[in-house]
Amino acid sequence: MIYAFIVALLTGSLYAASALLVAPTRAPIVAGIAVVATFLSIYLPRKFFHYHLEDIAPTVLQRLMQRAAIGSAFVLALPVFALAIIGGWSNPELLGELYMYALIGVFLFQGIGEVITNHVLYLQRTHQYNSNQLFAMLSGIALLIFVLILYFLAFDLAQPPNLRKYVRDLLAITLVLVGYGRAVFLMAHH
């Protein structure tokens, strides 16, 4: 629950930083909605789709995918609500930022954080996994995240200094590292 709350606060801060670009007076509203929606996207699906170690692997994976589908619905609804509240439908910078936040939420927190991490934990606890494959997958994802962070930072560093963009970048990098770090920690310390 603490993890979901930290992720929700970081996501809310990201949405607030982006909302400040278009509608500064509505940024707290957008941040509040982002905090609630993100928290629910991580916490709520676990209440509906349970699994046990006695279940077979396909059943566990199906329930984890159901969790991710519900969580992803919250994540994908969030930018739509944010745009409805602050406007900015024609602002390409805002659209790009909200798109990136949705990708982070769906792929990192729902895909890796919920599906892959929990399925690996299940496989580890039931002695059905190969640690070499797990290491290769985690190394590949870490490299991809590192390259993407450097790639997107290069765009912002090539422009004149802008405090809002630096804050946004730092929040996004922190959010990604928290999500990926938790996934790696859980998989490594089963």
N, C-alpha and C. Protein backbone atom coordinates (compact mmCIF):
# COMPACT_ATOMS: atom_id res chain seq x y z
N MET A 1 0.82 -1.19 0.00
CA MET A 1 0.00 0.00 0.00
C MET A 1 0.87 1.26 0.00
N ILE A 2 2.01 1.22 0.68
CA ILE A 2 2.92 2.36 0.70
C ILE A 2 3.47 2.60 -0.69
N TYR A 3 3.83 1.50 -1.38
CA TYR A 3 4.33 1.61 -2.75
C TYR A 3 3.30 2.30 -3.65
N ALA A 4 2.05 1.86 -3.57
CA ALA A 4 0.98 2.46 -4.39
C ALA A 4 0.82 3.94 -4.07
N PHE A 5 0.95 4.29 -2.81
CA PHE A 5 0.81 5.69 -2.41
C PHE A 5 1.98 6.54 -2.93
N ILE A 6 3.21 6.01 -2.85
CA ILE A 6 4.37 6.76 -3.35
C ILE A 6 4.27 6.96 -4.86
N VAL A 7 3.90 5.90 -5.57
CA VAL A 7 3.74 6.00 -7.02
C VAL A 7 2.63 7.01 -7.36
N ALA A 8 1.55 6.98 -6.60
CA ALA A 8 0.43 7.90 -6.83
C ALA A 8 0.87 9.35 -6.61
N LEU A 9 1.65 9.60 -5.56
CA LEU A 9 2.13 10.96 -5.31
C LEU A 9 3.07 11.44 -6.42
N LEU A 10 3.96 10.59 -6.86
CA LEU A 10 4.87 10.98 -7.95
C LEU A 10 4.09 11.23 -9.24
N THR A 11 3.13 10.38 -9.53
CA THR A 11 2.31 10.57 -10.74
C THR A 11 1.49 11.86 -10.63
N GLY A 12 0.91 12.09 -9.47
CA GLY A 12 0.16 13.34 -9.27
C GLY A 12 1.04 14.56 -9.47
N SER A 13 2.29 14.48 -8.99
CA SER A 13 3.23 15.59 -9.18
C SER A 13 3.56 15.80 -10.65
N LEU A 14 3.71 14.70 -11.39
CA LEU A 14 3.96 14.83 -12.82
C LEU A 14 2.79 15.50 -13.54
N TYR A 15 1.59 15.04 -13.23
CA TYR A 15 0.41 15.63 -13.87
C TYR A 15 0.26 17.10 -13.48
N ALA A 16 0.57 17.44 -12.24
CA ALA A 16 0.51 18.85 -11.81
C ALA A 16 1.52 19.68 -12.58
N ALA A 17 2.74 19.16 -12.75
CA ALA A 17 3.77 19.90 -13.50
C ALA A 17 3.32 20.14 -14.94
N SER A 18 2.66 19.18 -15.53
CA SER A 18 2.18 19.37 -16.91
C SER A 18 0.97 20.30 -16.96
N ALA A 19 0.09 20.21 -15.98
CA ALA A 19 -1.09 21.08 -15.96
C ALA A 19 -0.70 22.53 -15.75
N LEU A 20 0.39 22.76 -15.05
CA LEU A 20 0.85 24.14 -14.84
C LEU A 20 1.18 24.83 -16.15
N LEU A 21 1.51 24.05 -17.16
CA LEU A 21 1.83 24.59 -18.49
C LEU A 21 0.61 25.27 -19.12
N VAL A 22 -0.58 24.69 -18.91
CA VAL A 22 -1.78 25.15 -19.61
C VAL A 22 -2.76 25.88 -18.70
N ALA A 23 -3.02 25.30 -17.54
CA ALA A 23 -4.03 25.85 -16.62
C ALA A 23 -3.53 25.78 -15.18
N PRO A 24 -2.71 26.74 -14.77
CA PRO A 24 -2.10 26.69 -13.43
C PRO A 24 -3.11 26.60 -12.29
N THR A 25 -4.28 27.21 -12.46
CA THR A 25 -5.26 27.19 -11.37
C THR A 25 -5.93 25.81 -11.22
N ARG A 26 -5.89 25.01 -12.27
CA ARG A 26 -6.52 23.69 -12.21
C ARG A 26 -5.52 22.57 -11.93
N ALA A 27 -4.25 22.92 -11.79
CA ALA A 27 -3.22 21.91 -11.54
C ALA A 27 -3.48 21.11 -10.26
N PRO A 28 -3.90 21.71 -9.16
CA PRO A 28 -4.18 20.90 -7.96
C PRO A 28 -5.31 19.89 -8.16
N ILE A 29 -6.31 20.26 -8.93
CA ILE A 29 -7.42 19.33 -9.21
C ILE A 29 -6.91 18.14 -10.01
N VAL A 30 -6.12 18.43 -11.04
CA VAL A 30 -5.56 17.37 -11.88
C VAL A 30 -4.64 16.48 -11.04
N ALA A 31 -3.83 17.09 -10.18
CA ALA A 31 -2.93 16.31 -9.33
C ALA A 31 -3.72 15.39 -8.40
N GLY A 32 -4.78 15.90 -7.82
CA GLY A 32 -5.61 15.08 -6.93
C GLY A 32 -6.24 13.91 -7.64
N ILE A 33 -6.76 14.15 -8.83
CA ILE A 33 -7.36 13.07 -9.62
C ILE A 33 -6.29 12.05 -10.01
N ALA A 34 -5.11 12.54 -10.36
CA ALA A 34 -4.02 11.62 -10.74
C ALA A 34 -3.58 10.76 -9.55
N VAL A 35 -3.52 11.34 -8.37
CA VAL A 35 -3.15 10.57 -7.18
C VAL A 35 -4.17 9.46 -6.93
N VAL A 36 -5.45 9.82 -6.95
CA VAL A 36 -6.51 8.83 -6.67
C VAL A 36 -6.54 7.75 -7.75
N ALA A 37 -6.52 8.15 -9.01
CA ALA A 37 -6.60 7.17 -10.11
C ALA A 37 -5.40 6.24 -10.12
N THR A 38 -4.21 6.77 -9.87
CA THR A 38 -3.01 5.93 -9.86
C THR A 38 -3.03 4.97 -8.69
N PHE A 39 -3.41 5.46 -7.52
CA PHE A 39 -3.51 4.58 -6.36
C PHE A 39 -4.49 3.45 -6.63
N LEU A 40 -5.65 3.80 -7.16
CA LEU A 40 -6.66 2.78 -7.45
C LEU A 40 -6.19 1.80 -8.53
N SER A 41 -5.42 2.28 -9.51
CA SER A 41 -4.95 1.41 -10.58
C SER A 41 -4.02 0.32 -10.07
N ILE A 42 -3.32 0.58 -8.99
CA ILE A 42 -2.41 -0.41 -8.41
C ILE A 42 -3.09 -1.22 -7.32
N TYR A 43 -3.84 -0.57 -6.48
CA TYR A 43 -4.39 -1.20 -5.28
C TYR A 43 -5.70 -1.97 -5.52
N LEU A 44 -6.61 -1.38 -6.26
CA LEU A 44 -7.95 -1.94 -6.41
C LEU A 44 -8.01 -3.28 -7.15
N PRO A 45 -7.32 -3.46 -8.29
CA PRO A 45 -7.44 -4.74 -9.01
C PRO A 45 -7.03 -5.95 -8.17
N ARG A 46 -6.11 -5.78 -7.24
CA ARG A 46 -5.69 -6.89 -6.39
C ARG A 46 -6.82 -7.39 -5.50
N LYS A 47 -7.77 -6.54 -5.22
CA LYS A 47 -8.90 -6.93 -4.38
C LYS A 47 -9.89 -7.83 -5.11
N PHE A 48 -9.91 -7.75 -6.43
CA PHE A 48 -10.89 -8.51 -7.21
C PHE A 48 -10.33 -9.79 -7.82
N PHE A 49 -9.05 -9.83 -8.13
CA PHE A 49 -8.47 -10.97 -8.83
C PHE A 49 -7.36 -11.59 -7.99
N HIS A 50 -7.73 -12.60 -7.23
CA HIS A 50 -6.80 -13.30 -6.34
C HIS A 50 -6.27 -14.55 -7.02
N TYR A 51 -5.12 -15.00 -6.55
CA TYR A 51 -4.61 -16.30 -6.97
C TYR A 51 -3.89 -16.92 -5.77
N HIS A 52 -3.67 -18.22 -5.87
CA HIS A 52 -3.01 -18.97 -4.81
C HIS A 52 -1.85 -19.75 -5.42
N LEU A 53 -0.90 -20.12 -4.61
CA LEU A 53 0.25 -20.87 -5.11
C LEU A 53 -0.15 -22.25 -5.64
N GLU A 54 -1.30 -22.73 -5.24
CA GLU A 54 -1.78 -24.03 -5.72
C GLU A 54 -2.37 -23.93 -7.13
N ASP A 55 -2.67 -22.73 -7.58
CA ASP A 55 -3.22 -22.54 -8.92
C ASP A 55 -2.16 -22.86 -9.97
N ILE A 56 -2.60 -23.29 -11.14
CA ILE A 56 -1.66 -23.55 -12.22
C ILE A 56 -1.22 -22.23 -12.84
N ALA A 57 -0.06 -22.23 -13.47
CA ALA A 57 0.54 -21.00 -14.01
C ALA A 57 -0.38 -20.23 -14.97
N PRO A 58 -1.07 -20.90 -15.90
CA PRO A 58 -1.96 -20.14 -16.80
C PRO A 58 -3.09 -19.41 -16.05
N THR A 59 -3.60 -20.02 -14.99
CA THR A 59 -4.65 -19.37 -14.21
C THR A 59 -4.10 -18.13 -13.51
N VAL A 60 -2.90 -18.26 -12.96
CA VAL A 60 -2.27 -17.11 -12.29
C VAL A 60 -2.03 -16.00 -13.29
N LEU A 61 -1.49 -16.34 -14.45
CA LEU A 61 -1.23 -15.33 -15.47
C LEU A 61 -2.52 -14.66 -15.94
N GLN A 62 -3.57 -15.43 -16.07
CA GLN A 62 -4.86 -14.85 -16.48
C GLN A 62 -5.35 -13.83 -15.44
N ARG A 63 -5.25 -14.16 -14.18
CA ARG A 63 -5.70 -13.23 -13.13
C ARG A 63 -4.81 -11.99 -13.08
N LEU A 64 -3.53 -12.17 -13.31
CA LEU A 64 -2.63 -11.02 -13.33
C LEU A 64 -2.94 -10.12 -14.52
N MET A 65 -3.27 -10.72 -15.66
CA MET A 65 -3.64 -9.93 -16.83
C MET A 65 -4.96 -9.19 -16.60
N GLN A 66 -5.88 -9.82 -15.89
CA GLN A 66 -7.13 -9.14 -15.54
C GLN A 66 -6.86 -7.95 -14.64
N ARG A 67 -5.95 -8.12 -13.69
CA ARG A 67 -5.55 -7.00 -12.83
C ARG A 67 -4.99 -5.86 -13.67
N ALA A 68 -4.10 -6.22 -14.59
CA ALA A 68 -3.46 -5.19 -15.43
C ALA A 68 -4.47 -4.51 -16.34
N ALA A 69 -5.46 -5.23 -16.82
CA ALA A 69 -6.48 -4.62 -17.68
C ALA A 69 -7.28 -3.57 -16.90
N ILE A 70 -7.68 -3.90 -15.69
CA ILE A 70 -8.42 -2.94 -14.86
C ILE A 70 -7.52 -1.76 -14.51
N GLY A 71 -6.29 -2.05 -14.08
CA GLY A 71 -5.36 -0.97 -13.74
C GLY A 71 -5.06 -0.08 -14.93
N SER A 72 -4.89 -0.69 -16.10
CA SER A 72 -4.62 0.09 -17.32
C SER A 72 -5.79 0.97 -17.69
N ALA A 73 -7.00 0.52 -17.42
CA ALA A 73 -8.18 1.36 -17.70
C ALA A 73 -8.12 2.65 -16.87
N PHE A 74 -7.74 2.53 -15.62
CA PHE A 74 -7.57 3.73 -14.78
C PHE A 74 -6.47 4.62 -15.33
N VAL A 75 -5.34 4.00 -15.70
CA VAL A 75 -4.19 4.76 -16.20
C VAL A 75 -4.53 5.49 -17.50
N LEU A 76 -5.25 4.82 -18.39
CA LEU A 76 -5.59 5.43 -19.68
C LEU A 76 -6.70 6.47 -19.57
N ALA A 77 -7.56 6.33 -18.58
CA ALA A 77 -8.61 7.33 -18.38
C ALA A 77 -8.04 8.62 -17.80
N LEU A 78 -6.95 8.51 -17.09
CA LEU A 78 -6.37 9.67 -16.41
C LEU A 78 -6.00 10.81 -17.35
N PRO A 79 -5.26 10.59 -18.45
CA PRO A 79 -4.95 11.73 -19.33
C PRO A 79 -6.20 12.33 -19.98
N VAL A 80 -7.19 11.51 -20.23
CA VAL A 80 -8.43 12.02 -20.82
C VAL A 80 -9.12 12.96 -19.83
N PHE A 81 -9.22 12.54 -18.57
CA PHE A 81 -9.80 13.41 -17.55
C PHE A 81 -8.98 14.68 -17.37
N ALA A 82 -7.66 14.53 -17.38
CA ALA A 82 -6.79 15.71 -17.22
C ALA A 82 -7.01 16.70 -18.36
N LEU A 83 -7.09 16.19 -19.58
CA LEU A 83 -7.33 17.08 -20.72
C LEU A 83 -8.71 17.71 -20.65
N ALA A 84 -9.69 16.98 -20.17
CA ALA A 84 -11.05 17.53 -20.05
C ALA A 84 -11.08 18.65 -19.02
N ILE A 85 -10.29 18.53 -17.97
CA ILE A 85 -10.29 19.54 -16.90
C ILE A 85 -9.49 20.77 -17.29
N ILE A 86 -8.33 20.57 -17.91
CA ILE A 86 -7.46 21.72 -18.18
C ILE A 86 -7.51 22.20 -19.62
N GLY A 87 -8.18 21.48 -20.48
CA GLY A 87 -8.17 21.86 -21.89
C GLY A 87 -6.85 21.39 -22.49
N GLY A 88 -6.31 22.12 -23.39
CA GLY A 88 -5.02 21.78 -23.95
C GLY A 88 -5.04 20.69 -24.99
N TRP A 89 -6.21 20.42 -25.57
CA TRP A 89 -6.31 19.38 -26.58
C TRP A 89 -5.46 19.71 -27.81
N SER A 90 -5.17 20.98 -28.02
CA SER A 90 -4.38 21.38 -29.19
C SER A 90 -2.94 21.74 -28.82
N ASN A 91 -2.53 21.44 -27.60
CA ASN A 91 -1.17 21.74 -27.15
C ASN A 91 -0.31 20.48 -27.33
N PRO A 92 0.57 20.47 -28.35
CA PRO A 92 1.34 19.26 -28.63
C PRO A 92 2.30 18.86 -27.50
N GLU A 93 2.85 19.84 -26.79
CA GLU A 93 3.76 19.52 -25.69
C GLU A 93 3.01 18.80 -24.56
N LEU A 94 1.83 19.30 -24.23
CA LEU A 94 1.02 18.68 -23.19
C LEU A 94 0.57 17.29 -23.61
N LEU A 95 0.11 17.16 -24.85
CA LEU A 95 -0.32 15.85 -25.34
C LEU A 95 0.82 14.83 -25.28
N GLY A 96 2.01 15.26 -25.66
CA GLY A 96 3.17 14.37 -25.62
C GLY A 96 3.51 13.94 -24.21
N GLU A 97 3.43 14.88 -23.27
CA GLU A 97 3.74 14.55 -21.88
C GLU A 97 2.71 13.57 -21.31
N LEU A 98 1.43 13.83 -21.54
CA LEU A 98 0.40 12.94 -21.01
C LEU A 98 0.47 11.56 -21.65
N TYR A 99 0.82 11.53 -22.93
CA TYR A 99 1.01 10.25 -23.61
C TYR A 99 2.14 9.45 -22.95
N MET A 100 3.24 10.13 -22.65
CA MET A 100 4.38 9.47 -22.02
C MET A 100 4.01 8.95 -20.63
N TYR A 101 3.23 9.72 -19.88
CA TYR A 101 2.82 9.27 -18.54
C TYR A 101 1.92 8.04 -18.64
N ALA A 102 1.06 8.02 -19.66
CA ALA A 102 0.20 6.85 -19.84
C ALA A 102 1.03 5.61 -20.20
N LEU A 103 2.04 5.78 -21.05
CA LEU A 103 2.91 4.66 -21.39
C LEU A 103 3.65 4.14 -20.17
N ILE A 104 4.17 5.04 -19.36
CA ILE A 104 4.86 4.64 -18.13
C ILE A 104 3.90 3.86 -17.24
N GLY A 105 2.70 4.36 -17.07
CA GLY A 105 1.72 3.70 -16.21
C GLY A 105 1.32 2.33 -16.71
N VAL A 106 1.07 2.21 -18.01
CA VAL A 106 0.62 0.92 -18.55
C VAL A 106 1.77 -0.08 -18.63
N PHE A 107 2.85 0.29 -19.27
CA PHE A 107 3.92 -0.68 -19.50
C PHE A 107 4.76 -0.97 -18.26
N LEU A 108 5.13 0.07 -17.53
CA LEU A 108 6.00 -0.15 -16.38
C LEU A 108 5.23 -0.64 -15.16
N PHE A 109 4.17 0.08 -14.79
CA PHE A 109 3.50 -0.25 -13.54
C PHE A 109 2.48 -1.38 -13.68
N GLN A 110 1.80 -1.45 -14.80
CA GLN A 110 0.84 -2.55 -14.97
C GLN A 110 1.52 -3.77 -15.59
N GLY A 111 2.27 -3.58 -16.67
CA GLY A 111 2.90 -4.70 -17.35
C GLY A 111 4.03 -5.33 -16.56
N ILE A 112 5.06 -4.55 -16.27
CA ILE A 112 6.21 -5.10 -15.54
C ILE A 112 5.90 -5.22 -14.05
N GLY A 113 5.39 -4.15 -13.46
CA GLY A 113 5.18 -4.13 -12.02
C GLY A 113 4.13 -5.09 -11.51
N GLU A 114 3.06 -5.26 -12.24
CA GLU A 114 1.99 -6.13 -11.77
C GLU A 114 2.03 -7.52 -12.41
N VAL A 115 2.09 -7.59 -13.73
CA VAL A 115 2.02 -8.89 -14.39
C VAL A 115 3.34 -9.65 -14.28
N ILE A 116 4.40 -9.10 -14.82
CA ILE A 116 5.67 -9.84 -14.87
C ILE A 116 6.21 -10.10 -13.46
N THR A 117 6.26 -9.08 -12.63
CA THR A 117 6.82 -9.26 -11.29
C THR A 117 6.05 -10.30 -10.50
N ASN A 118 4.74 -10.20 -10.46
CA ASN A 118 3.95 -11.15 -9.68
C ASN A 118 3.98 -12.55 -10.28
N HIS A 119 4.06 -12.66 -11.60
CA HIS A 119 4.16 -13.98 -12.20
C HIS A 119 5.52 -14.61 -11.90
N VAL A 120 6.58 -13.82 -11.95
CA VAL A 120 7.90 -14.33 -11.59
C VAL A 120 7.92 -14.76 -10.13
N LEU A 121 7.31 -13.98 -9.25
CA LEU A 121 7.25 -14.37 -7.84
C LEU A 121 6.51 -15.69 -7.66
N TYR A 122 5.41 -15.83 -8.39
CA TYR A 122 4.66 -17.10 -8.34
C TYR A 122 5.54 -18.25 -8.82
N LEU A 123 6.21 -18.06 -9.96
CA LEU A 123 7.06 -19.12 -10.51
C LEU A 123 8.23 -19.45 -9.58
N GLN A 124 8.79 -18.43 -8.93
CA GLN A 124 9.88 -18.68 -7.98
C GLN A 124 9.39 -19.49 -6.78
N ARG A 125 8.26 -19.10 -6.25
CA ARG A 125 7.74 -19.78 -5.06
C ARG A 125 7.29 -21.21 -5.34
N THR A 126 6.94 -21.48 -6.58
CA THR A 126 6.52 -22.84 -6.95
C THR A 126 7.63 -23.59 -7.69
N HIS A 127 8.85 -23.04 -7.69
CA HIS A 127 10.04 -23.67 -8.27
C HIS A 127 9.85 -24.01 -9.75
N GLN A 128 9.35 -23.05 -10.53
CA GLN A 128 9.11 -23.27 -11.96
C GLN A 128 9.85 -22.29 -12.86
N TYR A 129 10.90 -21.62 -12.37
CA TYR A 129 11.51 -20.59 -13.20
C TYR A 129 12.98 -20.90 -13.47
N ASN A 130 13.55 -20.20 -14.45
CA ASN A 130 14.96 -20.30 -14.80
C ASN A 130 15.59 -18.95 -14.50
N SER A 131 16.53 -18.91 -13.58
CA SER A 131 17.11 -17.63 -13.17
C SER A 131 17.92 -16.97 -14.27
N ASN A 132 18.50 -17.73 -15.20
CA ASN A 132 19.25 -17.12 -16.30
C ASN A 132 18.33 -16.32 -17.22
N GLN A 133 17.14 -16.85 -17.49
CA GLN A 133 16.18 -16.12 -18.32
C GLN A 133 15.72 -14.86 -17.61
N LEU A 134 15.48 -14.96 -16.32
CA LEU A 134 15.05 -13.79 -15.54
C LEU A 134 16.13 -12.71 -15.55
N PHE A 135 17.38 -13.10 -15.36
CA PHE A 135 18.48 -12.14 -15.37
C PHE A 135 18.59 -11.46 -16.73
N ALA A 136 18.47 -12.23 -17.80
CA ALA A 136 18.56 -11.66 -19.14
C ALA A 136 17.44 -10.66 -19.40
N MET A 137 16.22 -11.01 -18.97
CA MET A 137 15.08 -10.11 -19.17
C MET A 137 15.27 -8.81 -18.38
N LEU A 138 15.65 -8.93 -17.11
CA LEU A 138 15.83 -7.74 -16.28
C LEU A 138 16.96 -6.86 -16.79
N SER A 139 18.03 -7.47 -17.26
CA SER A 139 19.14 -6.70 -17.82
C SER A 139 18.73 -5.95 -19.08
N GLY A 140 17.99 -6.64 -19.94
CA GLY A 140 17.51 -5.99 -21.16
C GLY A 140 16.58 -4.82 -20.89
N ILE A 141 15.67 -5.00 -19.95
CA ILE A 141 14.74 -3.92 -19.61
C ILE A 141 15.49 -2.76 -18.98
N ALA A 142 16.46 -3.04 -18.11
CA ALA A 142 17.25 -1.98 -17.48
C ALA A 142 18.01 -1.17 -18.52
N LEU A 143 18.60 -1.86 -19.48
CA LEU A 143 19.31 -1.17 -20.55
C LEU A 143 18.37 -0.30 -21.37
N LEU A 144 17.20 -0.83 -21.69
CA LEU A 144 16.21 -0.07 -22.45
C LEU A 144 15.78 1.19 -21.69
N ILE A 145 15.50 1.06 -20.40
CA ILE A 145 15.09 2.21 -19.60
C ILE A 145 16.22 3.24 -19.56
N PHE A 146 17.45 2.80 -19.37
CA PHE A 146 18.59 3.71 -19.32
C PHE A 146 18.75 4.47 -20.64
N VAL A 147 18.67 3.77 -21.76
CA VAL A 147 18.80 4.41 -23.06
C VAL A 147 17.67 5.41 -23.30
N LEU A 148 16.44 5.03 -22.95
CA LEU A 148 15.31 5.93 -23.14
C LEU A 148 15.42 7.19 -22.29
N ILE A 149 15.87 7.04 -21.05
CA ILE A 149 16.06 8.21 -20.19
C ILE A 149 17.08 9.15 -20.81
N LEU A 150 18.21 8.61 -21.25
CA LEU A 150 19.23 9.46 -21.87
C LEU A 150 18.72 10.11 -23.16
N TYR A 151 17.97 9.36 -23.94
CA TYR A 151 17.44 9.88 -25.20
C TYR A 151 16.51 11.06 -24.96
N PHE A 152 15.57 10.91 -24.04
CA PHE A 152 14.61 11.99 -23.80
C PHE A 152 15.24 13.16 -23.05
N LEU A 153 16.21 12.90 -22.20
CA LEU A 153 16.91 13.99 -21.54
C LEU A 153 17.69 14.84 -22.53
N ALA A 154 18.21 14.20 -23.56
CA ALA A 154 18.98 14.95 -24.56
C ALA A 154 18.14 16.03 -25.22
N PHE A 155 16.85 15.79 -25.43
CA PHE A 155 15.98 16.81 -26.02
C PHE A 155 15.86 18.02 -25.10
N ASP A 156 15.66 17.77 -23.82
CA ASP A 156 15.49 18.88 -22.88
C ASP A 156 16.80 19.61 -22.59
N LEU A 157 17.90 18.89 -22.57
CA LEU A 157 19.19 19.52 -22.29
C LEU A 157 19.70 20.32 -23.48
N ALA A 158 19.20 20.04 -24.67
CA ALA A 158 19.62 20.77 -25.87
C ALA A 158 18.91 22.11 -25.99
N GLN A 159 17.92 22.36 -25.16
CA GLN A 159 17.16 23.61 -25.20
C GLN A 159 17.64 24.54 -24.09
N PRO A 160 17.29 25.81 -24.18
CA PRO A 160 17.64 26.72 -23.08
C PRO A 160 17.05 26.21 -21.76
N PRO A 161 17.72 26.49 -20.66
CA PRO A 161 17.25 25.99 -19.35
C PRO A 161 15.79 26.37 -19.08
N ASN A 162 15.05 25.39 -18.58
CA ASN A 162 13.64 25.56 -18.28
C ASN A 162 13.34 24.75 -17.02
N LEU A 163 13.07 25.44 -15.92
CA LEU A 163 12.88 24.77 -14.64
C LEU A 163 11.73 23.77 -14.68
N ARG A 164 10.64 24.11 -15.35
CA ARG A 164 9.48 23.21 -15.41
C ARG A 164 9.85 21.88 -16.06
N LYS A 165 10.64 21.95 -17.14
CA LYS A 165 11.04 20.72 -17.82
C LYS A 165 12.00 19.89 -16.97
N TYR A 166 12.90 20.55 -16.27
CA TYR A 166 13.81 19.82 -15.39
C TYR A 166 13.05 19.13 -14.26
N VAL A 167 12.09 19.82 -13.69
CA VAL A 167 11.28 19.21 -12.62
C VAL A 167 10.51 18.02 -13.18
N ARG A 168 9.91 18.20 -14.34
CA ARG A 168 9.17 17.11 -14.98
C ARG A 168 10.08 15.92 -15.25
N ASP A 169 11.27 16.18 -15.78
CA ASP A 169 12.20 15.09 -16.08
C ASP A 169 12.63 14.36 -14.81
N LEU A 170 12.94 15.11 -13.78
CA LEU A 170 13.36 14.49 -12.53
C LEU A 170 12.24 13.66 -11.91
N LEU A 171 11.02 14.18 -11.96
CA LEU A 171 9.89 13.41 -11.43
C LEU A 171 9.65 12.15 -12.25
N ALA A 172 9.72 12.26 -13.57
CA ALA A 172 9.49 11.09 -14.43
C ALA A 172 10.58 10.04 -14.23
N ILE A 173 11.83 10.47 -14.14
CA ILE A 173 12.92 9.52 -13.92
C ILE A 173 12.78 8.85 -12.56
N THR A 174 12.43 9.62 -11.54
CA THR A 174 12.22 9.06 -10.21
C THR A 174 11.09 8.05 -10.22
N LEU A 175 9.99 8.38 -10.89
CA LEU A 175 8.85 7.47 -11.00
C LEU A 175 9.26 6.16 -11.67
N VAL A 176 9.99 6.25 -12.76
CA VAL A 176 10.43 5.05 -13.48
C VAL A 176 11.37 4.22 -12.61
N LEU A 177 12.30 4.87 -11.93
CA LEU A 177 13.24 4.13 -11.09
C LEU A 177 12.55 3.49 -9.89
N VAL A 178 11.56 4.14 -9.33
CA VAL A 178 10.80 3.55 -8.22
C VAL A 178 10.06 2.30 -8.72
N GLY A 179 9.38 2.42 -9.85
CA GLY A 179 8.63 1.29 -10.39
C GLY A 179 9.51 0.13 -10.78
N TYR A 180 10.58 0.40 -11.51
CA TYR A 180 11.46 -0.67 -11.95
C TYR A 180 12.27 -1.21 -10.78
N GLY A 181 12.72 -0.33 -9.90
CA GLY A 181 13.48 -0.76 -8.73
C GLY A 181 12.68 -1.70 -7.85
N ARG A 182 11.43 -1.41 -7.64
CA ARG A 182 10.57 -2.28 -6.83
C ARG A 182 10.41 -3.64 -7.51
N ALA A 183 10.19 -3.63 -8.82
CA ALA A 183 10.03 -4.89 -9.55
C ALA A 183 11.29 -5.75 -9.42
N VAL A 184 12.44 -5.17 -9.62
CA VAL A 184 13.70 -5.92 -9.52
C VAL A 184 13.91 -6.40 -8.08
N PHE A 185 13.65 -5.54 -7.12
CA PHE A 185 13.81 -5.93 -5.71
C PHE A 185 12.94 -7.12 -5.36
N LEU A 186 11.67 -7.07 -5.76
CA LEU A 186 10.77 -8.18 -5.44
C LEU A 186 11.21 -9.47 -6.12
N MET A 187 11.64 -9.37 -7.38
CA MET A 187 12.05 -10.58 -8.09
C MET A 187 13.34 -11.14 -7.53
N ALA A 188 14.23 -10.27 -7.06
CA ALA A 188 15.53 -10.73 -6.56
C ALA A 188 15.46 -11.23 -5.12
N HIS A 189 14.48 -10.77 -4.36
CA HIS A 189 14.38 -11.13 -2.94
C HIS A 189 13.11 -11.91 -2.66
N HIS A 190 12.88 -12.92 -3.41
CA HIS A 190 11.70 -13.74 -3.22
C HIS A 190 11.81 -14.51 -1.93
